[in-house]
Structure formats: structure tokens, C-alpha cells
C-alpha atoms as a PDB file:
ATOM      1  CA  MET A   1      26.431 -34.865   5.577  1.00  0.00           C
ATOM      2  CA  ASP A   2      25.749 -38.663   6.023  1.00  0.00           C
ATOM      3  CA  GLY A   3      24.257 -39.065   2.568  1.00  0.00           C
ATOM      4  CA  THR A   4      20.753 -39.810   3.873  1.00  0.00           C
ATOM      5  CA  ALA A   5      18.178 -38.219   1.711  1.00  0.00           C
ATOM      6  CA  LEU A   6      15.081 -36.567   3.149  1.00  0.00           C
ATOM      7  CA  PRO A   7      11.804 -38.123   2.050  1.00  0.00           C
ATOM      8  CA  ILE A   8       9.825 -36.154  -0.485  1.00  0.00           C
ATOM      9  CA  GLY A   9       7.355 -33.817   1.212  1.00  0.00           C
ATOM     10  CA  SER A  10       9.189 -33.932   4.598  1.00  0.00           C
ATOM     11  CA  GLY A  11      10.205 -30.288   4.479  1.00  0.00           C
ATOM     12  CA  LYS A  12       8.120 -27.354   5.476  1.00  0.00           C
ATOM     13  CA  LEU A  13       8.499 -23.838   4.087  1.00  0.00           C
ATOM     14  CA  THR A  14       8.188 -21.300   6.904  1.00  0.00           C
ATOM     15  CA  THR A  15       8.127 -17.527   6.801  1.00  0.00           C
ATOM     16  CA  PRO A  16      11.084 -15.949   8.623  1.00  0.00           C
ATOM     17  CA  ARG A  17      10.304 -13.554  11.403  1.00  0.00           C
ATOM     18  CA  ALA A  18      12.376 -10.885   9.680  1.00  0.00           C
ATOM     19  CA  ALA A  19       9.962 -10.940   6.705  1.00  0.00           C
ATOM     20  CA  ALA A  20       7.839  -8.518   8.654  1.00  0.00           C
ATOM     21  CA  VAL A  21      10.436  -5.938   7.776  1.00  0.00           C
ATOM     22  CA  ALA A  22       8.741  -5.833   4.379  1.00  0.00           C
ATOM     23  CA  GLY A  23       5.903  -3.912   5.945  1.00  0.00           C
ATOM     24  CA  ILE A  24       8.333  -1.387   7.407  1.00  0.00           C
ATOM     25  CA  ALA A  25       9.941  -1.011   3.985  1.00  0.00           C
ATOM     26  CA  PHE A  26       6.541  -0.394   2.397  1.00  0.00           C
ATOM     27  CA  ALA A  27       5.657   2.185   5.007  1.00  0.00           C
ATOM     28  CA  VAL A  28       8.873   4.087   4.559  1.00  0.00           C
ATOM     29  CA  LEU A  29       8.903   3.966   0.719  1.00  0.00           C
ATOM     30  CA  MET A  30       5.195   4.718   0.166  1.00  0.00           C
ATOM     31  CA  GLY A  31       5.115   7.325   2.916  1.00  0.00           C
ATOM     32  CA  THR A  32       8.128   9.082   1.381  1.00  0.00           C
ATOM     33  CA  ALA A  33       6.487   8.988  -2.054  1.00  0.00           C
ATOM     34  CA  TYR A  34       3.238  10.447  -0.757  1.00  0.00           C
ATOM     35  CA  VAL A  35       5.038  13.255   1.148  1.00  0.00           C
ATOM     36  CA  LEU A  36       7.175  14.174  -1.910  1.00  0.00           C
ATOM     37  CA  VAL A  37       4.158  14.283  -4.187  1.00  0.00           C
ATOM     38  CA  ARG A  38       2.006  16.320  -1.809  1.00  0.00           C
ATOM     39  CA  VAL A  39       4.825  18.785  -1.138  1.00  0.00           C
ATOM     40  CA  SER A  40       5.711  19.164  -4.838  1.00  0.00           C
ATOM     41  CA  ILE A  41       2.186  19.576  -6.180  1.00  0.00           C
ATOM     42  CA  PRO A  42       0.350  22.741  -5.013  1.00  0.00           C
ATOM     43  CA  ALA A  43      -3.107  22.743  -3.492  1.00  0.00           C
ATOM     44  CA  ASP A  44      -4.515  24.009  -6.831  1.00  0.00           C
ATOM     45  CA  PRO A  45      -2.741  21.844  -9.454  1.00  0.00           C
ATOM     46  CA  THR A  46      -4.837  23.175 -12.352  1.00  0.00           C
ATOM     47  CA  GLU A  47      -1.808  25.179 -13.531  1.00  0.00           C
ATOM     48  CA  GLY A  48       1.147  23.425 -14.982  1.00  0.00           C
ATOM     49  CA  GLU A  49       3.978  25.633 -13.540  1.00  0.00           C
ATOM     50  CA  TRP A  50       4.886  23.034 -10.919  1.00  0.00           C
ATOM     51  CA  LEU A  51       5.806  20.642 -13.702  1.00  0.00           C
ATOM     52  CA  GLU A  52       8.783  22.862 -14.555  1.00  0.00           C
ATOM     53  CA  GLU A  53       9.992  23.516 -11.063  1.00  0.00           C
ATOM     54  CA  ARG A  54       9.327  20.274  -9.162  1.00  0.00           C
ATOM     55  CA  ALA A  55       9.169  17.555 -11.804  1.00  0.00           C
ATOM     56  CA  ASP A  56      12.343  15.923 -10.527  1.00  0.00           C
ATOM     57  CA  PHE A  57      10.925  15.425  -7.084  1.00  0.00           C
ATOM     58  CA  VAL A  58       7.737  13.916  -8.485  1.00  0.00           C
ATOM     59  CA  GLU A  59       9.724  11.547 -10.754  1.00  0.00           C
ATOM     60  CA  PHE A  60      11.802  10.372  -7.775  1.00  0.00           C
ATOM     61  CA  ALA A  61       8.615   9.786  -5.759  1.00  0.00           C
ATOM     62  CA  LEU A  62       7.071   7.776  -8.585  1.00  0.00           C
ATOM     63  CA  GLY A  63      10.178   5.654  -8.811  1.00  0.00           C
ATOM     64  CA  LEU A  64       9.767   4.536  -5.196  1.00  0.00           C
ATOM     65  CA  VAL A  65       6.242   3.212  -5.671  1.00  0.00           C
ATOM     66  CA  PRO A  66       7.122  -0.072  -7.538  1.00  0.00           C
ATOM     67  CA  PHE A  67       9.549  -1.077  -4.734  1.00  0.00           C
ATOM     68  CA  ALA A  68       6.896  -0.166  -2.179  1.00  0.00           C
ATOM     69  CA  GLY A  69       4.410  -2.412  -4.032  1.00  0.00           C
ATOM     70  CA  ILE A  70       6.850  -5.344  -3.918  1.00  0.00           C
ATOM     71  CA  ALA A  71       7.222  -4.869  -0.210  1.00  0.00           C
ATOM     72  CA  PHE A  72       3.473  -4.690   0.264  1.00  0.00           C
ATOM     73  CA  LEU A  73       3.072  -8.072  -1.460  1.00  0.00           C
ATOM     74  CA  TRP A  74       5.513  -9.590   1.079  1.00  0.00           C
ATOM     75  CA  PHE A  75       3.536  -7.911   3.870  1.00  0.00           C
ATOM     76  CA  ILE A  76       0.363  -9.577   2.658  1.00  0.00           C
ATOM     77  CA  GLY A  77       2.151 -12.927   2.698  1.00  0.00           C
ATOM     78  CA  VAL A  78       3.341 -12.342   6.293  1.00  0.00           C
ATOM     79  CA  MET A  79      -0.213 -11.536   7.385  1.00  0.00           C
ATOM     80  CA  ARG A  80      -1.624 -14.684   5.850  1.00  0.00           C
ATOM     81  CA  ASP A  81       1.205 -16.816   7.287  1.00  0.00           C
ATOM     82  CA  ARG A  82       0.464 -15.638  10.828  1.00  0.00           C
ATOM     83  CA  VAL A  83      -3.158 -16.760  10.485  1.00  0.00           C
ATOM     84  CA  GLY A  84      -2.128 -20.223   9.261  1.00  0.00           C
ATOM     85  CA  ALA A  85      -4.685 -22.958   9.889  1.00  0.00           C
ATOM     86  CA  LEU A  86      -7.095 -20.490  11.376  1.00  0.00           C
ATOM     87  CA  GLU A  87      -7.560 -18.786   7.984  1.00  0.00           C
ATOM     88  CA  ASP A  88     -11.109 -18.183   6.872  1.00  0.00           C
ATOM     89  CA  ARG A  89     -11.400 -18.396   3.079  1.00  0.00           C
ATOM     90  CA  PHE A  90     -14.038 -15.676   2.835  1.00  0.00           C
ATOM     91  CA  PHE A  91     -12.158 -12.939   4.732  1.00  0.00           C
ATOM     92  CA  SER A  92      -8.808 -14.106   3.298  1.00  0.00           C
ATOM     93  CA  THR A  93     -10.182 -13.663  -0.200  1.00  0.00           C
ATOM     94  CA  VAL A  94     -11.312 -10.161   0.670  1.00  0.00           C
ATOM     95  CA  LEU A  95      -7.942  -9.386   2.223  1.00  0.00           C
ATOM     96  CA  LEU A  96      -5.981 -10.636  -0.801  1.00  0.00           C
ATOM     97  CA  GLY A  97      -8.359  -9.158  -3.375  1.00  0.00           C
ATOM     98  CA  SER A  98      -8.448  -5.691  -1.817  1.00  0.00           C
ATOM     99  CA  GLY A  99      -4.704  -5.669  -1.326  1.00  0.00           C
ATOM    100  CA  LEU A 100      -4.045  -6.538  -4.933  1.00  0.00           C
ATOM    101  CA  LEU A 101      -6.619  -3.979  -6.131  1.00  0.00           C
ATOM    102  CA  PHE A 102      -4.948  -1.331  -4.041  1.00  0.00           C
ATOM    103  CA  LEU A 103      -1.611  -2.091  -5.624  1.00  0.00           C
ATOM    104  CA  ALA A 104      -3.039  -2.274  -9.114  1.00  0.00           C
ATOM    105  CA  MET A 105      -4.831   1.086  -8.839  1.00  0.00           C
ATOM    106  CA  THR A 106      -1.775   2.677  -7.272  1.00  0.00           C
ATOM    107  CA  PHE A 107       0.388   1.418 -10.141  1.00  0.00           C
ATOM    108  CA  VAL A 108      -2.131   2.761 -12.699  1.00  0.00           C
ATOM    109  CA  SER A 109      -2.172   6.173 -11.099  1.00  0.00           C
ATOM    110  CA  VAL A 110       1.674   6.220 -10.992  1.00  0.00           C
ATOM    111  CA  ALA A 111       1.835   5.289 -14.716  1.00  0.00           C
ATOM    112  CA  MET A 112      -0.717   8.040 -15.535  1.00  0.00           C
ATOM    113  CA  ALA A 113       1.284  10.557 -13.521  1.00  0.00           C
ATOM    114  CA  GLY A 114       4.440   9.530 -15.362  1.00  0.00           C
ATOM    115  CA  GLY A 115       2.580  10.098 -18.608  1.00  0.00           C
ATOM    116  CA  ILE A 116       1.762  13.612 -17.523  1.00  0.00           C
ATOM    117  CA  LEU A 117       5.460  14.369 -16.894  1.00  0.00           C
ATOM    118  CA  SER A 118       6.533  12.835 -20.204  1.00  0.00           C
ATOM    119  CA  ALA A 119       3.884  14.662 -22.227  1.00  0.00           C
ATOM    120  CA  TYR A 120       4.707  17.985 -20.631  1.00  0.00           C
ATOM    121  CA  GLU A 121       8.388  17.490 -21.187  1.00  0.00           C
ATOM    122  CA  VAL A 122       7.937  16.848 -24.903  1.00  0.00           C
ATOM    123  CA  ALA A 123       5.217  19.469 -25.595  1.00  0.00           C
ATOM    124  CA  PRO A 124       4.474  21.591 -22.545  1.00  0.00           C
ATOM    125  CA  ARG A 125       2.151  24.153 -24.153  1.00  0.00           C
ATOM    126  CA  GLN A 126       0.214  21.658 -26.229  1.00  0.00           C
ATOM    127  CA  SER A 127      -0.363  19.247 -23.353  1.00  0.00           C
ATOM    128  CA  VAL A 128      -1.962  21.989 -21.252  1.00  0.00           C
ATOM    129  CA  GLU A 129      -3.924  23.736 -23.941  1.00  0.00           C
ATOM    130  CA  SER A 130      -5.328  20.486 -25.474  1.00  0.00           C
ATOM    131  CA  GLY A 131      -6.864  19.441 -22.142  1.00  0.00           C
ATOM    132  CA  LEU A 132      -4.667  16.351 -21.888  1.00  0.00           C
ATOM    133  CA  TYR A 133      -3.120  17.632 -18.653  1.00  0.00           C
ATOM    134  CA  ASP A 134      -6.472  18.199 -17.007  1.00  0.00           C
ATOM    135  CA  PHE A 135      -7.827  14.832 -18.092  1.00  0.00           C
ATOM    136  CA  ASP A 136      -4.786  12.844 -16.862  1.00  0.00           C
ATOM    137  CA  ARG A 137      -4.683  14.819 -13.579  1.00  0.00           C
ATOM    138  CA  SER A 138      -8.403  13.969 -12.961  1.00  0.00           C
ATOM    139  CA  VAL A 139      -7.763  10.241 -13.674  1.00  0.00           C
ATOM    140  CA  VAL A 140      -4.753  10.201 -11.371  1.00  0.00           C
ATOM    141  CA  TYR A 141      -6.682  11.857  -8.616  1.00  0.00           C
ATOM    142  CA  ARG A 142      -9.684   9.582  -8.791  1.00  0.00           C
ATOM    143  CA  THR A 143      -7.665   6.423  -9.189  1.00  0.00           C
ATOM    144  CA  SER A 144      -5.338   7.137  -6.320  1.00  0.00           C
ATOM    145  CA  SER A 145      -7.334   9.179  -3.886  1.00  0.00           C
ATOM    146  CA  VAL A 146     -10.769   7.596  -4.383  1.00  0.00           C
ATOM    147  CA  PHE A 147     -10.558   4.001  -5.473  1.00  0.00           C
ATOM    148  CA  ALA A 148      -7.059   2.961  -4.290  1.00  0.00           C
ATOM    149  CA  LEU A 149      -7.430   4.441  -0.829  1.00  0.00           C
ATOM    150  CA  ARG A 150     -10.847   2.845  -0.385  1.00  0.00           C
ATOM    151  CA  MET A 151      -9.476  -0.564  -1.393  1.00  0.00           C
ATOM    152  CA  GLY A 152      -6.787   0.043   1.215  1.00  0.00           C
ATOM    153  CA  ALA A 153      -9.545   0.691   3.743  1.00  0.00           C
ATOM    154  CA  VAL A 154     -11.199  -2.558   2.791  1.00  0.00           C
ATOM    155  CA  PHE A 155      -7.883  -4.349   3.205  1.00  0.00           C
ATOM    156  CA  MET A 156      -7.606  -2.970   6.749  1.00  0.00           C
ATOM    157  CA  ILE A 157     -11.213  -3.906   7.631  1.00  0.00           C
ATOM    158  CA  ALA A 158     -10.610  -7.517   6.424  1.00  0.00           C
ATOM    159  CA  ALA A 159      -7.429  -7.736   8.460  1.00  0.00           C
ATOM    160  CA  GLY A 160      -9.135  -6.384  11.573  1.00  0.00           C
ATOM    161  CA  THR A 161     -12.047  -8.833  11.182  1.00  0.00           C
ATOM    162  CA  ILE A 162      -9.651 -11.769  10.851  1.00  0.00           C
ATOM    163  CA  TRP A 163      -7.751 -10.734  13.951  1.00  0.00           C
ATOM    164  CA  LEU A 164     -11.032 -10.217  15.870  1.00  0.00           C
ATOM    165  CA  ARG A 165     -12.258 -13.763  15.030  1.00  0.00           C
ATOM    166  CA  THR A 166      -8.950 -15.520  15.588  1.00  0.00           C
ATOM    167  CA  HIS A 167      -7.686 -13.458  18.580  1.00  0.00           C
ATOM    168  CA  LEU A 168      -4.270 -13.315  16.938  1.00  0.00           C
ATOM    169  CA  MET A 169      -3.876  -9.581  17.681  1.00  0.00           C
ATOM    170  CA  ARG A 170      -4.642  -7.592  20.804  1.00  0.00           C
ATOM    171  CA  ARG A 171      -7.933  -5.698  20.965  1.00  0.00           C
ATOM    172  CA  TRP A 172      -6.193  -2.293  20.752  1.00  0.00           C
ATOM    173  CA  ALA A 173      -4.759  -3.275  17.348  1.00  0.00           C
ATOM    174  CA  VAL A 174      -8.189  -4.344  16.105  1.00  0.00           C
ATOM    175  CA  LEU A 175      -9.854  -1.143  17.320  1.00  0.00           C
ATOM    176  CA  LEU A 176      -7.046   0.993  15.801  1.00  0.00           C
ATOM    177  CA  THR A 177      -7.459  -0.873  12.517  1.00  0.00           C
ATOM    178  CA  TYR A 178     -11.202  -0.327  12.338  1.00  0.00           C
ATOM    179  CA  GLY A 179     -10.931   3.355  13.354  1.00  0.00           C
ATOM    180  CA  LEU A 180      -8.279   4.229  10.764  1.00  0.00           C
ATOM    181  CA  ALA A 181     -10.054   2.207   8.047  1.00  0.00           C
ATOM    182  CA  LEU A 182     -13.280   4.066   8.701  1.00  0.00           C
ATOM    183  CA  VAL A 183     -11.555   7.443   8.327  1.00  0.00           C
ATOM    184  CA  GLN A 184      -9.827   6.332   5.109  1.00  0.00           C
ATOM    185  CA  LEU A 185     -13.056   4.888   3.748  1.00  0.00           C
ATOM    186  CA  VAL A 186     -15.133   8.041   4.354  1.00  0.00           C
ATOM    187  CA  VAL A 187     -12.633  10.880   3.941  1.00  0.00           C
ATOM    188  CA  VAL A 188     -11.404  11.232   0.363  1.00  0.00           C
ATOM    189  CA  SER A 189      -9.291  14.314  -0.365  1.00  0.00           C
ATOM    190  CA  TYR A 190      -5.882  15.576  -1.285  1.00  0.00           C
ATOM    191  CA  SER A 191      -4.992  15.654   2.393  1.00  0.00           C
ATOM    192  CA  LEU A 192      -1.551  14.280   3.160  1.00  0.00           C
ATOM    193  CA  TRP A 193      -2.807  12.830   6.445  1.00  0.00           C
ATOM    194  CA  VAL A 194      -5.413  10.681   4.745  1.00  0.00           C
ATOM    195  CA  THR A 195      -2.927   9.185   2.306  1.00  0.00           C
ATOM    196  CA  LEU A 196      -0.508   8.400   5.099  1.00  0.00           C
ATOM    197  CA  ILE A 197      -3.062   6.351   7.088  1.00  0.00           C
ATOM    198  CA  LEU A 198      -2.292   3.027   5.365  1.00  0.00           C
ATOM    199  CA  PRO A 199       1.553   3.310   5.458  1.00  0.00           C
ATOM    200  CA  THR A 200       1.387   4.336   9.136  1.00  0.00           C
ATOM    201  CA  TRP A 201      -0.920   1.430   9.991  1.00  0.00           C
ATOM    202  CA  VAL A 202       1.319  -1.038   8.161  1.00  0.00           C
ATOM    203  CA  LEU A 203       4.338   0.335  10.038  1.00  0.00           C
ATOM    204  CA  VAL A 204       2.663  -0.119  13.447  1.00  0.00           C
ATOM    205  CA  ILE A 205       1.466  -3.646  12.598  1.00  0.00           C
ATOM    206  CA  SER A 206       4.850  -4.698  11.214  1.00  0.00           C
ATOM    207  CA  ILE A 207       6.625  -3.508  14.325  1.00  0.00           C
ATOM    208  CA  THR A 208       4.104  -5.459  16.402  1.00  0.00           C
ATOM    209  CA  PHE A 209       4.824  -8.584  14.315  1.00  0.00           C
ATOM    210  CA  LEU A 210       8.536  -8.225  14.987  1.00  0.00           C
ATOM    211  CA  LEU A 211       8.038  -7.728  18.703  1.00  0.00           C
ATOM    212  CA  THR A 212       5.533 -10.573  19.257  1.00  0.00           C
ATOM    213  CA  GLY A 213       7.540 -13.148  17.292  1.00  0.00           C
ATOM    214  CA  PRO A 214       6.062 -16.074  15.316  1.00  0.00           C
ATOM    215  CA  ARG A 215       2.338 -16.501  15.156  1.00  0.00           C
ATOM    216  CA  ARG A 216       0.574 -18.870  17.546  1.00  0.00           C
ATOM    217  CA  GLN A 217      -0.080 -22.256  16.033  1.00  0.00           C
ATOM    218  CA  ALA A 218      -3.598 -23.507  15.789  1.00  0.00           C
ATOM    219  CA  SER A 219      -4.369 -26.454  18.011  1.00  0.00           C
END
């Protein structure tokens, strides 16, 4: 060190290439959580017996979701960093807003699901007979499988549109994004394959980010 101080504002904060690993972490954590929940809860969850036999698996799955959400926030940052000076404020707002709404609704559904487990643990018979179980289950389903998944589809559409306009991703990635987003936007069900669309897409895109290196700078 020669003691020479850098002038204020001379530094530039850059996103490391390895930050794309956040998307892989999200895909693994959220995908694992979805699989555990779908495997633990039967096709007809109107009965509460599964709460006694598989509650531990569901609790473990719910515990993974907050960490997946943190990783997803980093993934959003990586996506915006790659666009850089080419960023369009309209589509970037849609991208950021839909991504945050997806996380918020996912967290709400996880909190409601945790409430179901807690209420059943304290008073199993009363929670089922009072209708509290059916109400919470309906809210969890609609929040996670209707609203959250559709916000995830909007997030994918916004990302695909940005890439189409800026040519920062190859055409196959854009077409794949639009196709998967359309399926997730239209098909809403308990199907495991539908819930795994977004984590799988994030995994593919994150691996692409790692292989292609830093984004191209705007001229």
C-alpha cells in the first residue's frame, strides 16, 4: 500500500459471476420443498390423517422455503445486473414486481401451512371439526397454486421479453421461457410437474449464466 487514497466514487460494485449459483440454490431448495410437500400430502387432503403421519416431512419442507426465497432475491439481482445499461424500466418493473409478489405469496402460503400444523398439534380434533383445517387448506392452495404460480409465470414472461429485446440470451432460451410460462399461467392444479416449472427454469438459466460468463456490456 502506497498510502494513496482512491477518489470518492471511483470504485464500481460488480456482481461476481458465481452469484448465479443463487439460482441453482433456489432451484434445489424450492424443488425439494415442493417434492416433499406433494409426496407427503395425499391427492385428497380433505382428511387430516396425513398430519399425524407425515407432519415432520412437511415441516422440514416449509423450513427450506425461506432460504429458497433469499436465493431467489439474489437471482433477481443477477438477472438485472446482466441487462445493465440496456435495462428497460417498464419490463424491469414488471420483472421485479412479479418476482417479489411470487415470494410474498409463497411466504404467506408457507405461514398458513405452518399454522395448520401448529393448530392440529395443539387440538387435532377441534381444528378439523371446526372447519379451521378446511379453511386454511383452501387458502394455502389458492395462494400457492393459483396466485403465486401465476406471478411466477409473469416473472418468466418479463424475463423472456427483456432477453428478446436486448438479445442477451439465445433464442432457444427465450422460446423455452415463453413456453414454460404459458403452461404455468394456464394450468393451475396440485400437479407436481406444474409447481416444478419455475425451479427447473431457474436452474437452466442459472447454469447458462455460469457457462456464458459476464454479460455483454452495452455500447
